[in-house]
mmCIF file of all heavy atoms, coordinates in Angstrom:
data_MODEL
# 
_entry.id   MODEL 
# 
loop_
_atom_site.group_PDB 
_atom_site.id 
_atom_site.type_symbol 
_atom_site.label_atom_id 
_atom_site.label_alt_id 
_atom_site.label_comp_id 
_atom_site.label_asym_id 
_atom_site.label_entity_id 
_atom_site.label_seq_id 
_atom_site.pdbx_PDB_ins_code 
_atom_site.Cartn_x 
_atom_site.Cartn_y 
_atom_site.Cartn_z 
_atom_site.occupancy 
_atom_site.B_iso_or_equiv 
_atom_site.pdbx_formal_charge 
_atom_site.auth_seq_id 
_atom_site.auth_comp_id 
_atom_site.auth_asym_id 
_atom_site.auth_atom_id 
_atom_site.pdbx_PDB_model_num 
ATOM 1   N N   . ASP A 1 1  ? -0.194 -5.513  7.382  1.00 0.00 ? 1  ASP A N   1 
ATOM 2   C CA  . ASP A 1 1  ? 0.962  -5.755  6.451  1.00 0.00 ? 1  ASP A CA  1 
ATOM 3   C C   . ASP A 1 1  ? 0.412  -6.628  5.227  1.00 0.00 ? 1  ASP A C   1 
ATOM 4   O O   . ASP A 1 1  ? 0.956  -6.405  4.201  1.00 0.00 ? 1  ASP A O   1 
ATOM 5   C CB  . ASP A 1 1  ? 1.929  -6.409  7.323  1.00 0.00 ? 1  ASP A CB  1 
ATOM 6   C CG  . ASP A 1 1  ? 1.577  -7.778  7.987  1.00 0.00 ? 1  ASP A CG  1 
ATOM 7   O OD1 . ASP A 1 1  ? 0.519  -7.951  8.346  1.00 0.00 ? 1  ASP A OD1 1 
ATOM 8   O OD2 . ASP A 1 1  ? 2.611  -8.536  8.294  1.00 0.00 ? 1  ASP A OD2 1 
ATOM 9   N N   . ARG A 1 2  ? -0.546 -7.585  5.457  1.00 0.00 ? 2  ARG A N   1 
ATOM 10  C CA  . ARG A 1 2  ? -0.918 -8.342  4.424  1.00 0.00 ? 2  ARG A CA  1 
ATOM 11  C C   . ARG A 1 2  ? -1.748 -7.534  3.424  1.00 0.00 ? 2  ARG A C   1 
ATOM 12  O O   . ARG A 1 2  ? -1.765 -7.651  2.218  1.00 0.00 ? 2  ARG A O   1 
ATOM 13  C CB  . ARG A 1 2  ? -1.753 -9.614  4.967  1.00 0.00 ? 2  ARG A CB  1 
ATOM 14  C CG  . ARG A 1 2  ? -2.114 -10.607 3.902  1.00 0.00 ? 2  ARG A CG  1 
ATOM 15  C CD  . ARG A 1 2  ? -2.790 -11.770 4.450  1.00 0.00 ? 2  ARG A CD  1 
ATOM 16  N NE  . ARG A 1 2  ? -2.003 -12.302 5.660  1.00 0.00 ? 2  ARG A NE  1 
ATOM 17  C CZ  . ARG A 1 2  ? -2.755 -13.337 6.427  1.00 0.00 ? 2  ARG A CZ  1 
ATOM 18  N NH1 . ARG A 1 2  ? -3.916 -13.676 6.246  1.00 0.00 ? 2  ARG A NH1 1 
ATOM 19  N NH2 . ARG A 1 2  ? -2.081 -13.693 7.381  1.00 0.00 ? 2  ARG A NH2 1 
ATOM 20  N N   . LEU A 1 3  ? -2.568 -6.659  3.996  1.00 0.00 ? 3  LEU A N   1 
ATOM 21  C CA  . LEU A 1 3  ? -3.409 -5.797  3.217  1.00 0.00 ? 3  LEU A CA  1 
ATOM 22  C C   . LEU A 1 3  ? -2.591 -4.877  2.362  1.00 0.00 ? 3  LEU A C   1 
ATOM 23  O O   . LEU A 1 3  ? -2.847 -4.683  1.147  1.00 0.00 ? 3  LEU A O   1 
ATOM 24  C CB  . LEU A 1 3  ? -4.235 -4.924  4.193  1.00 0.00 ? 3  LEU A CB  1 
ATOM 25  C CG  . LEU A 1 3  ? -5.144 -3.801  3.457  1.00 0.00 ? 3  LEU A CG  1 
ATOM 26  C CD1 . LEU A 1 3  ? -6.203 -4.368  2.583  1.00 0.00 ? 3  LEU A CD1 1 
ATOM 27  C CD2 . LEU A 1 3  ? -5.721 -2.819  4.477  1.00 0.00 ? 3  LEU A CD2 1 
ATOM 28  N N   . LEU A 1 4  ? -1.590 -4.307  2.901  1.00 0.00 ? 4  LEU A N   1 
ATOM 29  C CA  . LEU A 1 4  ? -0.675 -3.413  2.161  1.00 0.00 ? 4  LEU A CA  1 
ATOM 30  C C   . LEU A 1 4  ? 0.005  -4.168  1.054  1.00 0.00 ? 4  LEU A C   1 
ATOM 31  O O   . LEU A 1 4  ? 0.294  -3.595  -0.045 1.00 0.00 ? 4  LEU A O   1 
ATOM 32  C CB  . LEU A 1 4  ? 0.416  -2.811  3.134  1.00 0.00 ? 4  LEU A CB  1 
ATOM 33  C CG  . LEU A 1 4  ? -0.287 -1.694  4.062  1.00 0.00 ? 4  LEU A CG  1 
ATOM 34  C CD1 . LEU A 1 4  ? 0.706  -1.385  5.207  1.00 0.00 ? 4  LEU A CD1 1 
ATOM 35  C CD2 . LEU A 1 4  ? -0.732 -0.506  3.335  1.00 0.00 ? 4  LEU A CD2 1 
ATOM 36  N N   . THR A 1 5  ? 0.594  -5.388  1.242  1.00 0.00 ? 5  THR A N   1 
ATOM 37  C CA  . THR A 1 5  ? 1.194  -6.267  0.360  1.00 0.00 ? 5  THR A CA  1 
ATOM 38  C C   . THR A 1 5  ? 0.247  -6.428  -0.796 1.00 0.00 ? 5  THR A C   1 
ATOM 39  O O   . THR A 1 5  ? 0.624  -6.300  -2.062 1.00 0.00 ? 5  THR A O   1 
ATOM 40  C CB  . THR A 1 5  ? 1.590  -7.591  0.895  1.00 0.00 ? 5  THR A CB  1 
ATOM 41  O OG1 . THR A 1 5  ? 2.571  -7.327  1.951  1.00 0.00 ? 5  THR A OG1 1 
ATOM 42  C CG2 . THR A 1 5  ? 2.224  -8.434  -0.125 1.00 0.00 ? 5  THR A CG2 1 
ATOM 43  N N   . LYS A 1 6  ? -1.051 -6.740  -0.519 1.00 0.00 ? 6  LYS A N   1 
ATOM 44  C CA  . LYS A 1 6  ? -1.964 -6.928  -1.599 1.00 0.00 ? 6  LYS A CA  1 
ATOM 45  C C   . LYS A 1 6  ? -2.257 -5.719  -2.398 1.00 0.00 ? 6  LYS A C   1 
ATOM 46  O O   . LYS A 1 6  ? -2.445 -5.793  -3.648 1.00 0.00 ? 6  LYS A O   1 
ATOM 47  C CB  . LYS A 1 6  ? -3.364 -7.538  -1.072 1.00 0.00 ? 6  LYS A CB  1 
ATOM 48  C CG  . LYS A 1 6  ? -3.007 -9.033  -0.688 1.00 0.00 ? 6  LYS A CG  1 
ATOM 49  C CD  . LYS A 1 6  ? -4.446 -9.615  -0.217 1.00 0.00 ? 6  LYS A CD  1 
ATOM 50  C CE  . LYS A 1 6  ? -4.037 -11.080 0.011  1.00 0.00 ? 6  LYS A CE  1 
ATOM 51  N NZ  . LYS A 1 6  ? -5.147 -11.947 -0.342 1.00 0.00 ? 6  LYS A NZ  1 
ATOM 52  N N   . VAL A 1 7  ? -2.455 -4.554  -1.718 1.00 0.00 ? 7  VAL A N   1 
ATOM 53  C CA  . VAL A 1 7  ? -2.739 -3.263  -2.401 1.00 0.00 ? 7  VAL A CA  1 
ATOM 54  C C   . VAL A 1 7  ? -1.448 -2.986  -3.336 1.00 0.00 ? 7  VAL A C   1 
ATOM 55  O O   . VAL A 1 7  ? -1.665 -2.536  -4.574 1.00 0.00 ? 7  VAL A O   1 
ATOM 56  C CB  . VAL A 1 7  ? -2.929 -2.164  -1.316 1.00 0.00 ? 7  VAL A CB  1 
ATOM 57  C CG1 . VAL A 1 7  ? -2.819 -0.766  -1.988 1.00 0.00 ? 7  VAL A CG1 1 
ATOM 58  C CG2 . VAL A 1 7  ? -4.245 -2.369  -0.664 1.00 0.00 ? 7  VAL A CG2 1 
ATOM 59  N N   . ALA A 1 8  ? -0.273 -3.252  -2.901 1.00 0.00 ? 8  ALA A N   1 
ATOM 60  C CA  . ALA A 1 8  ? 0.791  -2.925  -3.732 1.00 0.00 ? 8  ALA A CA  1 
ATOM 61  C C   . ALA A 1 8  ? 0.836  -3.670  -4.895 1.00 0.00 ? 8  ALA A C   1 
ATOM 62  O O   . ALA A 1 8  ? 1.398  -3.413  -5.999 1.00 0.00 ? 8  ALA A O   1 
ATOM 63  C CB  . ALA A 1 8  ? 2.217  -3.089  -2.836 1.00 0.00 ? 8  ALA A CB  1 
ATOM 64  N N   . ALA A 1 9  ? 0.396  -4.936  -4.835 1.00 0.00 ? 9  ALA A N   1 
ATOM 65  C CA  . ALA A 1 9  ? 0.370  -6.004  -5.962 1.00 0.00 ? 9  ALA A CA  1 
ATOM 66  C C   . ALA A 1 9  ? -0.636 -5.488  -6.967 1.00 0.00 ? 9  ALA A C   1 
ATOM 67  O O   . ALA A 1 9  ? -0.604 -6.258  -8.083 1.00 0.00 ? 9  ALA A O   1 
ATOM 68  C CB  . ALA A 1 9  ? 0.185  -7.395  -5.452 1.00 0.00 ? 9  ALA A CB  1 
ATOM 69  N N   . THR A 1 10 ? -1.499 -4.637  -6.791 1.00 0.00 ? 10 THR A N   1 
ATOM 70  C CA  . THR A 1 10 ? -2.622 -4.264  -7.737 1.00 0.00 ? 10 THR A CA  1 
ATOM 71  C C   . THR A 1 10 ? -2.025 -3.269  -8.695 1.00 0.00 ? 10 THR A C   1 
ATOM 72  O O   . THR A 1 10 ? -2.901 -2.834  -9.537 1.00 0.00 ? 10 THR A O   1 
ATOM 73  C CB  . THR A 1 10 ? -3.801 -3.759  -6.967 1.00 0.00 ? 10 THR A CB  1 
ATOM 74  O OG1 . THR A 1 10 ? -3.573 -2.573  -6.237 1.00 0.00 ? 10 THR A OG1 1 
ATOM 75  C CG2 . THR A 1 10 ? -4.332 -4.775  -6.019 1.00 0.00 ? 10 THR A CG2 1 
ATOM 76  N N   . GLY A 1 11 ? -0.920 -2.744  -8.569 1.00 0.00 ? 11 GLY A N   1 
ATOM 77  C CA  . GLY A 1 11 ? -0.364 -1.770  -9.629 1.00 0.00 ? 11 GLY A CA  1 
ATOM 78  C C   . GLY A 1 11 ? -0.640 -0.381  -9.039 1.00 0.00 ? 11 GLY A C   1 
ATOM 79  O O   . GLY A 1 11 ? -0.323 0.688   -9.809 1.00 0.00 ? 11 GLY A O   1 
ATOM 80  N N   . VAL A 1 12 ? -0.877 -0.110  -7.849 1.00 0.00 ? 12 VAL A N   1 
ATOM 81  C CA  . VAL A 1 12 ? -1.071 1.205   -7.167 1.00 0.00 ? 12 VAL A CA  1 
ATOM 82  C C   . VAL A 1 12 ? 0.385  1.825   -7.077 1.00 0.00 ? 12 VAL A C   1 
ATOM 83  O O   . VAL A 1 12 ? 1.386  1.094   -6.782 1.00 0.00 ? 12 VAL A O   1 
ATOM 84  C CB  . VAL A 1 12 ? -1.758 0.983   -5.846 1.00 0.00 ? 12 VAL A CB  1 
ATOM 85  C CG1 . VAL A 1 12 ? -1.727 2.441   -5.103 1.00 0.00 ? 12 VAL A CG1 1 
ATOM 86  C CG2 . VAL A 1 12 ? -3.144 0.604   -6.106 1.00 0.00 ? 12 VAL A CG2 1 
ATOM 87  N N   . ASP A 1 13 ? 0.447  3.074   -7.233 1.00 0.00 ? 13 ASP A N   1 
ATOM 88  C CA  . ASP A 1 13 ? 1.718  3.851   -7.107 1.00 0.00 ? 13 ASP A CA  1 
ATOM 89  C C   . ASP A 1 13 ? 2.259  3.498   -5.699 1.00 0.00 ? 13 ASP A C   1 
ATOM 90  O O   . ASP A 1 13 ? 1.524  3.567   -4.712 1.00 0.00 ? 13 ASP A O   1 
ATOM 91  C CB  . ASP A 1 13 ? 1.477  5.326   -7.299 1.00 0.00 ? 13 ASP A CB  1 
ATOM 92  C CG  . ASP A 1 13 ? 2.749  6.109   -7.156 1.00 0.00 ? 13 ASP A CG  1 
ATOM 93  O OD1 . ASP A 1 13 ? 3.269  6.374   -6.098 1.00 0.00 ? 13 ASP A OD1 1 
ATOM 94  O OD2 . ASP A 1 13 ? 3.257  6.621   -8.284 1.00 0.00 ? 13 ASP A OD2 1 
ATOM 95  N N   . LEU A 1 14 ? 3.566  3.171   -5.599 1.00 0.00 ? 14 LEU A N   1 
ATOM 96  C CA  . LEU A 1 14 ? 4.134  2.902   -4.284 1.00 0.00 ? 14 LEU A CA  1 
ATOM 97  C C   . LEU A 1 14 ? 4.011  3.983   -3.168 1.00 0.00 ? 14 LEU A C   1 
ATOM 98  O O   . LEU A 1 14 ? 3.881  3.776   -2.054 1.00 0.00 ? 14 LEU A O   1 
ATOM 99  C CB  . LEU A 1 14 ? 5.615  2.642   -4.531 1.00 0.00 ? 14 LEU A CB  1 
ATOM 100 C CG  . LEU A 1 14 ? 6.360  1.910   -3.361 1.00 0.00 ? 14 LEU A CG  1 
ATOM 101 C CD1 . LEU A 1 14 ? 5.556  0.622   -2.863 1.00 0.00 ? 14 LEU A CD1 1 
ATOM 102 C CD2 . LEU A 1 14 ? 7.768  1.583   -3.605 1.00 0.00 ? 14 LEU A CD2 1 
ATOM 103 N N   . ARG A 1 15 ? 4.014  5.338   -3.673 1.00 0.00 ? 15 ARG A N   1 
ATOM 104 C CA  . ARG A 1 15 ? 3.931  6.442   -2.725 1.00 0.00 ? 15 ARG A CA  1 
ATOM 105 C C   . ARG A 1 15 ? 2.485  6.411   -2.071 1.00 0.00 ? 15 ARG A C   1 
ATOM 106 O O   . ARG A 1 15 ? 2.288  6.659   -0.838 1.00 0.00 ? 15 ARG A O   1 
ATOM 107 C CB  . ARG A 1 15 ? 4.111  7.751   -3.440 1.00 0.00 ? 15 ARG A CB  1 
ATOM 108 C CG  . ARG A 1 15 ? 5.465  7.913   -3.875 1.00 0.00 ? 15 ARG A CG  1 
ATOM 109 C CD  . ARG A 1 15 ? 5.610  9.246   -4.691 1.00 0.00 ? 15 ARG A CD  1 
ATOM 110 N NE  . ARG A 1 15 ? 4.814  9.003   -5.977 1.00 0.00 ? 15 ARG A NE  1 
ATOM 111 C CZ  . ARG A 1 15 ? 4.685  9.847   -7.012 1.00 0.00 ? 15 ARG A CZ  1 
ATOM 112 N NH1 . ARG A 1 15 ? 5.319  11.045  -7.006 1.00 0.00 ? 15 ARG A NH1 1 
ATOM 113 N NH2 . ARG A 1 15 ? 4.008  9.566   -7.999 1.00 0.00 ? 15 ARG A NH2 1 
ATOM 114 N N   . THR A 1 16 ? 1.470  5.928   -2.741 1.00 0.00 ? 16 THR A N   1 
ATOM 115 C CA  . THR A 1 16 ? 0.127  5.766   -2.115 1.00 0.00 ? 16 THR A CA  1 
ATOM 116 C C   . THR A 1 16 ? 0.140  4.663   -1.132 1.00 0.00 ? 16 THR A C   1 
ATOM 117 O O   . THR A 1 16 ? -0.422 4.753   -0.035 1.00 0.00 ? 16 THR A O   1 
ATOM 118 C CB  . THR A 1 16 ? -0.902 5.438   -3.281 1.00 0.00 ? 16 THR A CB  1 
ATOM 119 O OG1 . THR A 1 16 ? -0.810 6.473   -4.172 1.00 0.00 ? 16 THR A OG1 1 
ATOM 120 C CG2 . THR A 1 16 ? -2.228 5.320   -2.658 1.00 0.00 ? 16 THR A CG2 1 
ATOM 121 N N   . VAL A 1 17 ? 0.792  3.545   -1.461 1.00 0.00 ? 17 VAL A N   1 
ATOM 122 C CA  . VAL A 1 17 ? 0.907  2.457   -0.556 1.00 0.00 ? 17 VAL A CA  1 
ATOM 123 C C   . VAL A 1 17 ? 1.681  2.809   0.811  1.00 0.00 ? 17 VAL A C   1 
ATOM 124 O O   . VAL A 1 17 ? 1.135  2.543   1.943  1.00 0.00 ? 17 VAL A O   1 
ATOM 125 C CB  . VAL A 1 17 ? 1.702  1.223   -1.114 1.00 0.00 ? 17 VAL A CB  1 
ATOM 126 C CG1 . VAL A 1 17 ? 1.831  0.012   -0.035 1.00 0.00 ? 17 VAL A CG1 1 
ATOM 127 C CG2 . VAL A 1 17 ? 0.995  0.674   -2.263 1.00 0.00 ? 17 VAL A CG2 1 
ATOM 128 N N   . VAL A 1 18 ? 2.660  3.526   0.607  1.00 0.00 ? 18 VAL A N   1 
ATOM 129 C CA  . VAL A 1 18 ? 3.389  4.132   1.825  1.00 0.00 ? 18 VAL A CA  1 
ATOM 130 C C   . VAL A 1 18 ? 2.498  5.127   2.695  1.00 0.00 ? 18 VAL A C   1 
ATOM 131 O O   . VAL A 1 18 ? 2.439  5.037   3.904  1.00 0.00 ? 18 VAL A O   1 
ATOM 132 C CB  . VAL A 1 18 ? 4.695  4.834   1.390  1.00 0.00 ? 18 VAL A CB  1 
ATOM 133 C CG1 . VAL A 1 18 ? 5.305  5.654   2.567  1.00 0.00 ? 18 VAL A CG1 1 
ATOM 134 C CG2 . VAL A 1 18 ? 5.690  3.983   0.815  1.00 0.00 ? 18 VAL A CG2 1 
ATOM 135 N N   . TRP A 1 19 ? 1.574  5.901   1.898  1.00 0.00 ? 19 TRP A N   1 
ATOM 136 C CA  . TRP A 1 19 ? 0.811  6.835   2.628  1.00 0.00 ? 19 TRP A CA  1 
ATOM 137 C C   . TRP A 1 19 ? -0.291 6.036   3.447  1.00 0.00 ? 19 TRP A C   1 
ATOM 138 O O   . TRP A 1 19 ? -0.598 6.453   4.562  1.00 0.00 ? 19 TRP A O   1 
ATOM 139 C CB  . TRP A 1 19 ? 0.053  7.723   1.541  1.00 0.00 ? 19 TRP A CB  1 
ATOM 140 C CG  . TRP A 1 19 ? -0.717 8.761   2.259  1.00 0.00 ? 19 TRP A CG  1 
ATOM 141 C CD1 . TRP A 1 19 ? -0.365 10.088  2.614  1.00 0.00 ? 19 TRP A CD1 1 
ATOM 142 C CD2 . TRP A 1 19 ? -2.197 8.677   2.625  1.00 0.00 ? 19 TRP A CD2 1 
ATOM 143 N NE1 . TRP A 1 19 ? -1.501 10.639  3.293  1.00 0.00 ? 19 TRP A NE1 1 
ATOM 144 C CE2 . TRP A 1 19 ? -2.591 9.861   3.383  1.00 0.00 ? 19 TRP A CE2 1 
ATOM 145 C CE3 . TRP A 1 19 ? -3.105 7.709   2.677  1.00 0.00 ? 19 TRP A CE3 1 
ATOM 146 C CZ2 . TRP A 1 19 ? -3.774 10.118  3.868  1.00 0.00 ? 19 TRP A CZ2 1 
ATOM 147 C CZ3 . TRP A 1 19 ? -4.370 7.870   3.326  1.00 0.00 ? 19 TRP A CZ3 1 
ATOM 148 C CH2 . TRP A 1 19 ? -4.675 9.178   3.833  1.00 0.00 ? 19 TRP A CH2 1 
ATOM 149 N N   . VAL A 1 20 ? -0.827 5.023   2.832  1.00 0.00 ? 20 VAL A N   1 
ATOM 150 C CA  . VAL A 1 20 ? -1.788 4.050   3.533  1.00 0.00 ? 20 VAL A CA  1 
ATOM 151 C C   . VAL A 1 20 ? -1.167 3.483   4.706  1.00 0.00 ? 20 VAL A C   1 
ATOM 152 O O   . VAL A 1 20 ? -1.720 3.522   5.776  1.00 0.00 ? 20 VAL A O   1 
ATOM 153 C CB  . VAL A 1 20 ? -2.482 3.193   2.519  1.00 0.00 ? 20 VAL A CB  1 
ATOM 154 C CG1 . VAL A 1 20 ? -3.243 2.175   3.313  1.00 0.00 ? 20 VAL A CG1 1 
ATOM 155 C CG2 . VAL A 1 20 ? -3.199 3.821   1.468  1.00 0.00 ? 20 VAL A CG2 1 
ATOM 156 N N   . LYS A 1 21 ? -0.021 3.089   4.460  1.00 0.00 ? 21 LYS A N   1 
ATOM 157 C CA  . LYS A 1 21 ? 0.761  2.420   5.634  1.00 0.00 ? 21 LYS A CA  1 
ATOM 158 C C   . LYS A 1 21 ? 0.938  3.410   6.865  1.00 0.00 ? 21 LYS A C   1 
ATOM 159 O O   . LYS A 1 21 ? 0.583  3.043   7.922  1.00 0.00 ? 21 LYS A O   1 
ATOM 160 C CB  . LYS A 1 21 ? 2.111  1.866   5.156  1.00 0.00 ? 21 LYS A CB  1 
ATOM 161 C CG  . LYS A 1 21 ? 3.071  1.326   6.258  1.00 0.00 ? 21 LYS A CG  1 
ATOM 162 C CD  . LYS A 1 21 ? 4.310  0.928   5.771  1.00 0.00 ? 21 LYS A CD  1 
ATOM 163 C CE  . LYS A 1 21 ? 5.221  0.338   6.755  1.00 0.00 ? 21 LYS A CE  1 
ATOM 164 N NZ  . LYS A 1 21 ? 6.505  -0.093  6.288  1.00 0.00 ? 21 LYS A NZ  1 
ATOM 165 N N   . GLU A 1 22 ? 1.408  4.537   6.368  1.00 0.00 ? 22 GLU A N   1 
ATOM 166 C CA  . GLU A 1 22 ? 1.534  5.483   7.549  1.00 0.00 ? 22 GLU A CA  1 
ATOM 167 C C   . GLU A 1 22 ? 0.239  5.958   8.128  1.00 0.00 ? 22 GLU A C   1 
ATOM 168 O O   . GLU A 1 22 ? 0.079  6.322   9.388  1.00 0.00 ? 22 GLU A O   1 
ATOM 169 C CB  . GLU A 1 22 ? 2.333  6.711   6.930  1.00 0.00 ? 22 GLU A CB  1 
ATOM 170 C CG  . GLU A 1 22 ? 3.595  6.588   6.502  1.00 0.00 ? 22 GLU A CG  1 
ATOM 171 C CD  . GLU A 1 22 ? 4.598  6.100   7.584  1.00 0.00 ? 22 GLU A CD  1 
ATOM 172 O OE1 . GLU A 1 22 ? 4.443  6.737   8.710  1.00 0.00 ? 22 GLU A OE1 1 
ATOM 173 O OE2 . GLU A 1 22 ? 5.475  5.219   7.351  1.00 0.00 ? 22 GLU A OE2 1 
ATOM 174 N N   . PHE A 1 23 ? -0.789 5.973   7.318  1.00 0.00 ? 23 PHE A N   1 
ATOM 175 C CA  . PHE A 1 23 ? -2.147 6.296   7.924  1.00 0.00 ? 23 PHE A CA  1 
ATOM 176 C C   . PHE A 1 23 ? -2.701 5.194   8.936  1.00 0.00 ? 23 PHE A C   1 
ATOM 177 O O   . PHE A 1 23 ? -3.155 5.509   9.851  1.00 0.00 ? 23 PHE A O   1 
ATOM 178 C CB  . PHE A 1 23 ? -3.162 6.325   6.729  1.00 0.00 ? 23 PHE A CB  1 
ATOM 179 C CG  . PHE A 1 23 ? -4.504 6.878   7.010  1.00 0.00 ? 23 PHE A CG  1 
ATOM 180 C CD1 . PHE A 1 23 ? -4.796 8.229   7.384  1.00 0.00 ? 23 PHE A CD1 1 
ATOM 181 C CD2 . PHE A 1 23 ? -5.545 5.983   7.214  1.00 0.00 ? 23 PHE A CD2 1 
ATOM 182 C CE1 . PHE A 1 23 ? -6.091 8.659   7.781  1.00 0.00 ? 23 PHE A CE1 1 
ATOM 183 C CE2 . PHE A 1 23 ? -6.882 6.329   7.607  1.00 0.00 ? 23 PHE A CE2 1 
ATOM 184 C CZ  . PHE A 1 23 ? -7.064 7.636   7.804  1.00 0.00 ? 23 PHE A CZ  1 
ATOM 185 N N   . LEU A 1 24 ? -2.295 3.950   8.510  1.00 0.00 ? 24 LEU A N   1 
ATOM 186 C CA  . LEU A 1 24 ? -2.935 2.887   9.309  1.00 0.00 ? 24 LEU A CA  1 
ATOM 187 C C   . LEU A 1 24 ? -2.013 2.555   10.614 1.00 0.00 ? 24 LEU A C   1 
ATOM 188 O O   . LEU A 1 24 ? -2.584 2.143   11.569 1.00 0.00 ? 24 LEU A O   1 
ATOM 189 C CB  . LEU A 1 24 ? -2.958 1.529   8.538  1.00 0.00 ? 24 LEU A CB  1 
ATOM 190 C CG  . LEU A 1 24 ? -4.096 1.570   7.477  1.00 0.00 ? 24 LEU A CG  1 
ATOM 191 C CD1 . LEU A 1 24 ? -3.857 0.224   6.677  1.00 0.00 ? 24 LEU A CD1 1 
ATOM 192 C CD2 . LEU A 1 24 ? -5.435 1.601   7.976  1.00 0.00 ? 24 LEU A CD2 1 
# 
């Protein structure tokens, strides 16, 4: 959850963050 929060804060498209979340 902390990793995903940091990834989202870097300007990555939110759909990518959701994909990574579902992957992990």
